[in-house]
Amino acid sequence: RTFASPSKPVLAAPTAAAAPEVGKGRVTQVIGAVVDVQFDGKLPPILNALEVQQHDIRLVLEVAQHL
């Protein structure tokens, strides 16, 4: 079953520490449990949540690495 597909909008979820505003991103690739998300502006901090928008189910991802 596919949970995310390329070009789905992704939003960085707010954290309790009130992180600076992070722009919208988009899913560029899904390989197994790894989801690549590209952001045009600032990157969300490591360990923050990302929520995939415009999808049938609620899908929340965790930022593990910046490349």
PDB file of N, CA and C in Angstrom:
ATOM      1  N   ARG A   1       0.841  -1.167   0.000  1.00  0.00           N
ATOM      2  CA  ARG A   1       0.000   0.000   0.000  1.00  0.00           C
ATOM      3  C   ARG A   1       0.885   1.227   0.000  1.00  0.00           C
ATOM      4  N   THR A   2       0.557   2.208  -0.805  1.00  0.00           N
ATOM      5  CA  THR A   2       1.323   3.450  -0.889  1.00  0.00           C
ATOM      6  C   THR A   2       0.720   4.492   0.036  1.00  0.00           C
ATOM      7  N   PHE A   3       1.553   5.069   0.901  1.00  0.00           N
ATOM      8  CA  PHE A   3       1.078   6.067   1.847  1.00  0.00           C
ATOM      9  C   PHE A   3       1.411   7.485   1.412  1.00  0.00           C
ATOM     10  N   ALA A   4       2.418   7.643   0.634  1.00  0.00           N
ATOM     11  CA  ALA A   4       2.782   8.971   0.145  1.00  0.00           C
ATOM     12  C   ALA A   4       3.211   8.827  -1.303  1.00  0.00           C
ATOM     13  N   SER A   5       2.890   9.805  -2.071  1.00  0.00           N
ATOM     14  CA  SER A   5       3.303   9.758  -3.459  1.00  0.00           C
ATOM     15  C   SER A   5       4.017  11.061  -3.798  1.00  0.00           C
ATOM     16  N   PRO A   6       4.872  11.042  -4.785  1.00  0.00           N
ATOM     17  CA  PRO A   6       5.592  12.261  -5.146  1.00  0.00           C
ATOM     18  C   PRO A   6       4.655  13.426  -5.409  1.00  0.00           C
ATOM     19  N   SER A   7       5.095  14.573  -5.076  1.00  0.00           N
ATOM     20  CA  SER A   7       4.447  15.871  -5.182  1.00  0.00           C
ATOM     21  C   SER A   7       3.291  16.114  -4.240  1.00  0.00           C
ATOM     22  N   LYS A   8       3.138  15.311  -3.186  1.00  0.00           N
ATOM     23  CA  LYS A   8       2.145  15.632  -2.158  1.00  0.00           C
ATOM     24  C   LYS A   8       2.714  16.748  -1.296  1.00  0.00           C
ATOM     25  N   PRO A   9       1.921  17.789  -1.003  1.00  0.00           N
ATOM     26  CA  PRO A   9       2.408  18.867  -0.141  1.00  0.00           C
ATOM     27  C   PRO A   9       2.664  18.355   1.273  1.00  0.00           C
ATOM     28  N   VAL A  10       3.713  18.860   1.893  1.00  0.00           N
ATOM     29  CA  VAL A  10       4.072  18.469   3.255  1.00  0.00           C
ATOM     30  C   VAL A  10       4.255  19.732   4.066  1.00  0.00           C
ATOM     31  N   LEU A  11       3.691  19.761   5.270  1.00  0.00           N
ATOM     32  CA  LEU A  11       3.833  20.901   6.156  1.00  0.00           C
ATOM     33  C   LEU A  11       4.579  20.480   7.404  1.00  0.00           C
ATOM     34  N   ALA A  12       5.458  21.339   7.890  1.00  0.00           N
ATOM     35  CA  ALA A  12       6.136  21.073   9.151  1.00  0.00           C
ATOM     36  C   ALA A  12       5.161  21.390  10.278  1.00  0.00           C
ATOM     37  N   ALA A  13       4.985  20.444  11.186  1.00  0.00           N
ATOM     38  CA  ALA A  13       4.080  20.637  12.311  1.00  0.00           C
ATOM     39  C   ALA A  13       4.750  21.519  13.353  1.00  0.00           C
ATOM     40  N   PRO A  14       3.979  22.374  14.024  1.00  0.00           N
ATOM     41  CA  PRO A  14       4.580  23.236  15.045  1.00  0.00           C
ATOM     42  C   PRO A  14       5.037  22.404  16.238  1.00  0.00           C
ATOM     43  N   THR A  15       6.099  22.849  16.893  1.00  0.00           N
ATOM     44  CA  THR A  15       6.583  22.163  18.084  1.00  0.00           C
ATOM     45  C   THR A  15       6.318  23.019  19.300  1.00  0.00           C
ATOM     46  N   ALA A  16       6.503  22.437  20.455  1.00  0.00           N
ATOM     47  CA  ALA A  16       6.288  23.175  21.704  1.00  0.00           C
ATOM     48  C   ALA A  16       7.283  24.317  21.844  1.00  0.00           C
ATOM     49  N   ALA A  17       8.450  24.187  21.205  1.00  0.00           N
ATOM     50  CA  ALA A  17       9.486  25.219  21.312  1.00  0.00           C
ATOM     51  C   ALA A  17       9.276  26.369  20.327  1.00  0.00           C
ATOM     52  N   ALA A  18       8.160  26.378  19.625  1.00  0.00           N
ATOM     53  CA  ALA A  18       7.828  27.448  18.673  1.00  0.00           C
ATOM     54  C   ALA A  18       8.979  27.707  17.701  1.00  0.00           C
ATOM     55  N   ALA A  19       9.240  26.736  16.869  1.00  0.00           N
ATOM     56  CA  ALA A  19      10.312  26.845  15.872  1.00  0.00           C
ATOM     57  C   ALA A  19      10.002  27.949  14.878  1.00  0.00           C
ATOM     58  N   PRO A  20      11.040  28.514  14.244  1.00  0.00           N
ATOM     59  CA  PRO A  20      10.790  29.534  13.228  1.00  0.00           C
ATOM     60  C   PRO A  20       9.940  28.957  12.094  1.00  0.00           C
ATOM     61  N   GLU A  21       9.262  29.839  11.399  1.00  0.00           N
ATOM     62  CA  GLU A  21       8.370  29.418  10.309  1.00  0.00           C
ATOM     63  C   GLU A  21       9.141  28.634   9.248  1.00  0.00           C
ATOM     64  N   VAL A  22       8.606  27.473   8.899  1.00  0.00           N
ATOM     65  CA  VAL A  22       9.219  26.620   7.893  1.00  0.00           C
ATOM     66  C   VAL A  22       8.280  26.578   6.699  1.00  0.00           C
ATOM     67  N   GLY A  23       8.836  26.696   5.512  1.00  0.00           N
ATOM     68  CA  GLY A  23       8.025  26.684   4.304  1.00  0.00           C
ATOM     69  C   GLY A  23       7.436  25.323   4.001  1.00  0.00           C
ATOM     70  N   LYS A  24       6.582  25.298   3.003  1.00  0.00           N
ATOM     71  CA  LYS A  24       5.997  24.037   2.560  1.00  0.00           C
ATOM     72  C   LYS A  24       7.041  23.248   1.786  1.00  0.00           C
ATOM     73  N   GLY A  25       6.910  21.942   1.865  1.00  0.00           N
ATOM     74  CA  GLY A  25       7.794  21.057   1.125  1.00  0.00           C
ATOM     75  C   GLY A  25       6.964  20.132   0.257  1.00  0.00           C
ATOM     76  N   ARG A  26       7.642  19.251  -0.475  1.00  0.00           N
ATOM     77  CA  ARG A  26       6.917  18.270  -1.282  1.00  0.00           C
ATOM     78  C   ARG A  26       7.683  16.957  -1.280  1.00  0.00           C
ATOM     79  N   VAL A  27       6.924  15.873  -1.280  1.00  0.00           N
ATOM     80  CA  VAL A  27       7.515  14.541  -1.314  1.00  0.00           C
ATOM     81  C   VAL A  27       8.105  14.332  -2.703  1.00  0.00           C
ATOM     82  N   THR A  28       9.390  13.975  -2.744  1.00  0.00           N
ATOM     83  CA  THR A  28      10.045  13.762  -4.032  1.00  0.00           C
ATOM     84  C   THR A  28      10.316  12.296  -4.313  1.00  0.00           C
ATOM     85  N   GLN A  29      10.409  11.470  -3.256  1.00  0.00           N
ATOM     86  CA  GLN A  29      10.744  10.066  -3.455  1.00  0.00           C
ATOM     87  C   GLN A  29      10.366   9.260  -2.218  1.00  0.00           C
ATOM     88  N   VAL A  30       9.890   8.043  -2.427  1.00  0.00           N
ATOM     89  CA  VAL A  30       9.592   7.126  -1.331  1.00  0.00           C
ATOM     90  C   VAL A  30      10.276   5.797  -1.637  1.00  0.00           C
ATOM     91  N   ILE A  31      11.156   5.370  -0.745  1.00  0.00           N
ATOM     92  CA  ILE A  31      11.824   4.073  -0.877  1.00  0.00           C
ATOM     93  C   ILE A  31      11.694   3.374   0.474  1.00  0.00           C
ATOM     94  N   GLY A  32      10.824   2.377   0.543  1.00  0.00           N
ATOM     95  CA  GLY A  32      10.578   1.684   1.810  1.00  0.00           C
ATOM     96  C   GLY A  32      10.024   2.654   2.837  1.00  0.00           C
ATOM     97  N   ALA A  33      10.677   2.708   3.994  1.00  0.00           N
ATOM     98  CA  ALA A  33      10.231   3.601   5.063  1.00  0.00           C
ATOM     99  C   ALA A  33      10.855   4.991   4.959  1.00  0.00           C
ATOM    100  N   VAL A  34      11.689   5.212   3.957  1.00  0.00           N
ATOM    101  CA  VAL A  34      12.372   6.500   3.792  1.00  0.00           C
ATOM    102  C   VAL A  34      11.587   7.371   2.821  1.00  0.00           C
ATOM    103  N   VAL A  35      11.270   8.579   3.270  1.00  0.00           N
ATOM    104  CA  VAL A  35      10.526   9.532   2.443  1.00  0.00           C
ATOM    105  C   VAL A  35      11.395  10.775   2.273  1.00  0.00           C
ATOM    106  N   ASP A  36      11.730  11.100   1.037  1.00  0.00           N
ATOM    107  CA  ASP A  36      12.499  12.312   0.755  1.00  0.00           C
ATOM    108  C   ASP A  36      11.532  13.464   0.538  1.00  0.00           C
ATOM    109  N   VAL A  37      11.795  14.567   1.239  1.00  0.00           N
ATOM    110  CA  VAL A  37      10.951  15.763   1.134  1.00  0.00           C
ATOM    111  C   VAL A  37      11.848  16.938   0.779  1.00  0.00           C
ATOM    112  N   GLN A  38      11.464  17.692  -0.238  1.00  0.00           N
ATOM    113  CA  GLN A  38      12.240  18.860  -0.664  1.00  0.00           C
ATOM    114  C   GLN A  38      11.534  20.129  -0.204  1.00  0.00           C
ATOM    115  N   PHE A  39      12.303  21.033   0.418  1.00  0.00           N
ATOM    116  CA  PHE A  39      11.780  22.320   0.870  1.00  0.00           C
ATOM    117  C   PHE A  39      12.445  23.423   0.077  1.00  0.00           C
ATOM    118  N   ASP A  40      11.679  24.435  -0.309  1.00  0.00           N
ATOM    119  CA  ASP A  40      12.226  25.572  -1.043  1.00  0.00           C
ATOM    120  C   ASP A  40      12.864  26.579  -0.101  1.00  0.00           C
ATOM    121  N   GLY A  41      12.344  26.678   1.105  1.00  0.00           N
ATOM    122  CA  GLY A  41      12.857  27.647   2.075  1.00  0.00           C
ATOM    123  C   GLY A  41      13.633  26.969   3.180  1.00  0.00           C
ATOM    124  N   LYS A  42      13.373  27.391   4.405  1.00  0.00           N
ATOM    125  CA  LYS A  42      14.070  26.842   5.570  1.00  0.00           C
ATOM    126  C   LYS A  42      13.686  25.380   5.790  1.00  0.00           C
ATOM    127  N   LEU A  43      14.644  24.607   6.286  1.00  0.00           N
ATOM    128  CA  LEU A  43      14.394  23.198   6.604  1.00  0.00           C
ATOM    129  C   LEU A  43      13.864  23.078   8.030  1.00  0.00           C
ATOM    130  N   PRO A  44      12.957  22.147   8.273  1.00  0.00           N
ATOM    131  CA  PRO A  44      12.484  21.939   9.647  1.00  0.00           C
ATOM    132  C   PRO A  44      13.594  21.298  10.481  1.00  0.00           C
ATOM    133  N   PRO A  45      13.645  21.583  11.762  1.00  0.00           N
ATOM    134  CA  PRO A  45      14.679  20.988  12.619  1.00  0.00           C
ATOM    135  C   PRO A  45      14.560  19.462  12.683  1.00  0.00           C
ATOM    136  N   ILE A  46      15.686  18.806  12.954  1.00  0.00           N
ATOM    137  CA  ILE A  46      15.717  17.358  13.134  1.00  0.00           C
ATOM    138  C   ILE A  46      14.757  16.980  14.268  1.00  0.00           C
ATOM    139  N   LEU A  47      14.099  15.858  14.148  1.00  0.00           N
ATOM    140  CA  LEU A  47      13.125  15.287  15.095  1.00  0.00           C
ATOM    141  C   LEU A  47      11.773  16.003  15.081  1.00  0.00           C
ATOM    142  N   ASN A  48      11.570  16.973  14.192  1.00  0.00           N
ATOM    143  CA  ASN A  48      10.254  17.605  14.059  1.00  0.00           C
ATOM    144  C   ASN A  48       9.333  16.717  13.243  1.00  0.00           C
ATOM    145  N   ALA A  49       8.049  16.937  13.402  1.00  0.00           N
ATOM    146  CA  ALA A  49       7.044  16.186  12.649  1.00  0.00           C
ATOM    147  C   ALA A  49       6.710  16.913  11.353  1.00  0.00           C
ATOM    148  N   LEU A  50       6.455  16.133  10.311  1.00  0.00           N
ATOM    149  CA  LEU A  50       5.955  16.650   9.036  1.00  0.00           C
ATOM    150  C   LEU A  50       4.634  15.955   8.770  1.00  0.00           C
ATOM    151  N   GLU A  51       3.632  16.698   8.352  1.00  0.00           N
ATOM    152  CA  GLU A  51       2.330  16.107   8.052  1.00  0.00           C
ATOM    153  C   GLU A  51       2.049  16.241   6.561  1.00  0.00           C
ATOM    154  N   VAL A  52       1.735  15.120   5.920  1.00  0.00           N
ATOM    155  CA  VAL A  52       1.415  15.116   4.496  1.00  0.00           C
ATOM    156  C   VAL A  52      -0.015  15.608   4.331  1.00  0.00           C
ATOM    157  N   GLN A  53      -0.201  16.588   3.474  1.00  0.00           N
ATOM    158  CA  GLN A  53      -1.514  17.171   3.212  1.00  0.00           C
ATOM    159  C   GLN A  53      -2.114  16.558   1.961  1.00  0.00           C
ATOM    160  N   GLN A  54      -3.409  16.726   1.768  1.00  0.00           N
ATOM    161  CA  GLN A  54      -4.137  16.249   0.579  1.00  0.00           C
ATOM    162  C   GLN A  54      -3.954  14.749   0.376  1.00  0.00           C
ATOM    163  N   HIS A  55      -4.132  13.982   1.440  1.00  0.00           N
ATOM    164  CA  HIS A  55      -4.002  12.529   1.387  1.00  0.00           C
ATOM    165  C   HIS A  55      -5.219  11.924   2.081  1.00  0.00           C
ATOM    166  N   ASP A  56      -5.590  10.714   1.706  1.00  0.00           N
ATOM    167  CA  ASP A  56      -6.780  10.066   2.260  1.00  0.00           C
ATOM    168  C   ASP A  56      -6.673   9.798   3.757  1.00  0.00           C
ATOM    169  N   ILE A  57      -5.477   9.479   4.242  1.00  0.00           N
ATOM    170  CA  ILE A  57      -5.286   9.225   5.662  1.00  0.00           C
ATOM    171  C   ILE A  57      -4.304  10.236   6.230  1.00  0.00           C
ATOM    172  N   ARG A  58      -4.311  10.383   7.556  1.00  0.00           N
ATOM    173  CA  ARG A  58      -3.359  11.297   8.189  1.00  0.00           C
ATOM    174  C   ARG A  58      -1.997  10.617   8.207  1.00  0.00           C
ATOM    175  N   LEU A  59      -1.007  11.259   7.625  1.00  0.00           N
ATOM    176  CA  LEU A  59       0.337  10.705   7.541  1.00  0.00           C
ATOM    177  C   LEU A  59       1.312  11.693   8.156  1.00  0.00           C
ATOM    178  N   VAL A  60       1.958  11.279   9.234  1.00  0.00           N
ATOM    179  CA  VAL A  60       2.923  12.125   9.930  1.00  0.00           C
ATOM    180  C   VAL A  60       4.297  11.487   9.813  1.00  0.00           C
ATOM    181  N   LEU A  61       5.279  12.267   9.378  1.00  0.00           N
ATOM    182  CA  LEU A  61       6.657  11.814   9.197  1.00  0.00           C
ATOM    183  C   LEU A  61       7.540  12.515  10.216  1.00  0.00           C
ATOM    184  N   GLU A  62       8.711  11.955  10.462  1.00  0.00           N
ATOM    185  CA  GLU A  62       9.666  12.576  11.376  1.00  0.00           C
ATOM    186  C   GLU A  62      10.936  12.948  10.616  1.00  0.00           C
ATOM    187  N   VAL A  63      11.435  14.168  10.842  1.00  0.00           N
ATOM    188  CA  VAL A  63      12.675  14.605  10.203  1.00  0.00           C
ATOM    189  C   VAL A  63      13.827  13.882  10.890  1.00  0.00           C
ATOM    190  N   ALA A  64      14.590  13.103  10.126  1.00  0.00           N
ATOM    191  CA  ALA A  64      15.696  12.333  10.693  1.00  0.00           C
ATOM    192  C   ALA A  64      17.048  12.858  10.225  1.00  0.00           C
ATOM    193  N   GLN A  65      17.091  13.497   9.059  1.00  0.00           N
ATOM    194  CA  GLN A  65      18.373  13.899   8.494  1.00  0.00           C
ATOM    195  C   GLN A  65      18.167  15.011   7.478  1.00  0.00           C
ATOM    196  N   HIS A  66      19.137  15.909   7.391  1.00  0.00           N
ATOM    197  CA  HIS A  66      19.160  16.932   6.339  1.00  0.00           C
ATOM    198  C   HIS A  66      20.250  16.553   5.345  1.00  0.00           C
ATOM    199  N   LEU A  67      19.923  16.593   4.068  1.00  0.00           N
ATOM    200  CA  LEU A  67      20.932  16.302   3.038  1.00  0.00           C
ATOM    201  C   LEU A  67      21.138  17.513   2.156  1.00  0.00           C
TER     202      LEU A  67
END
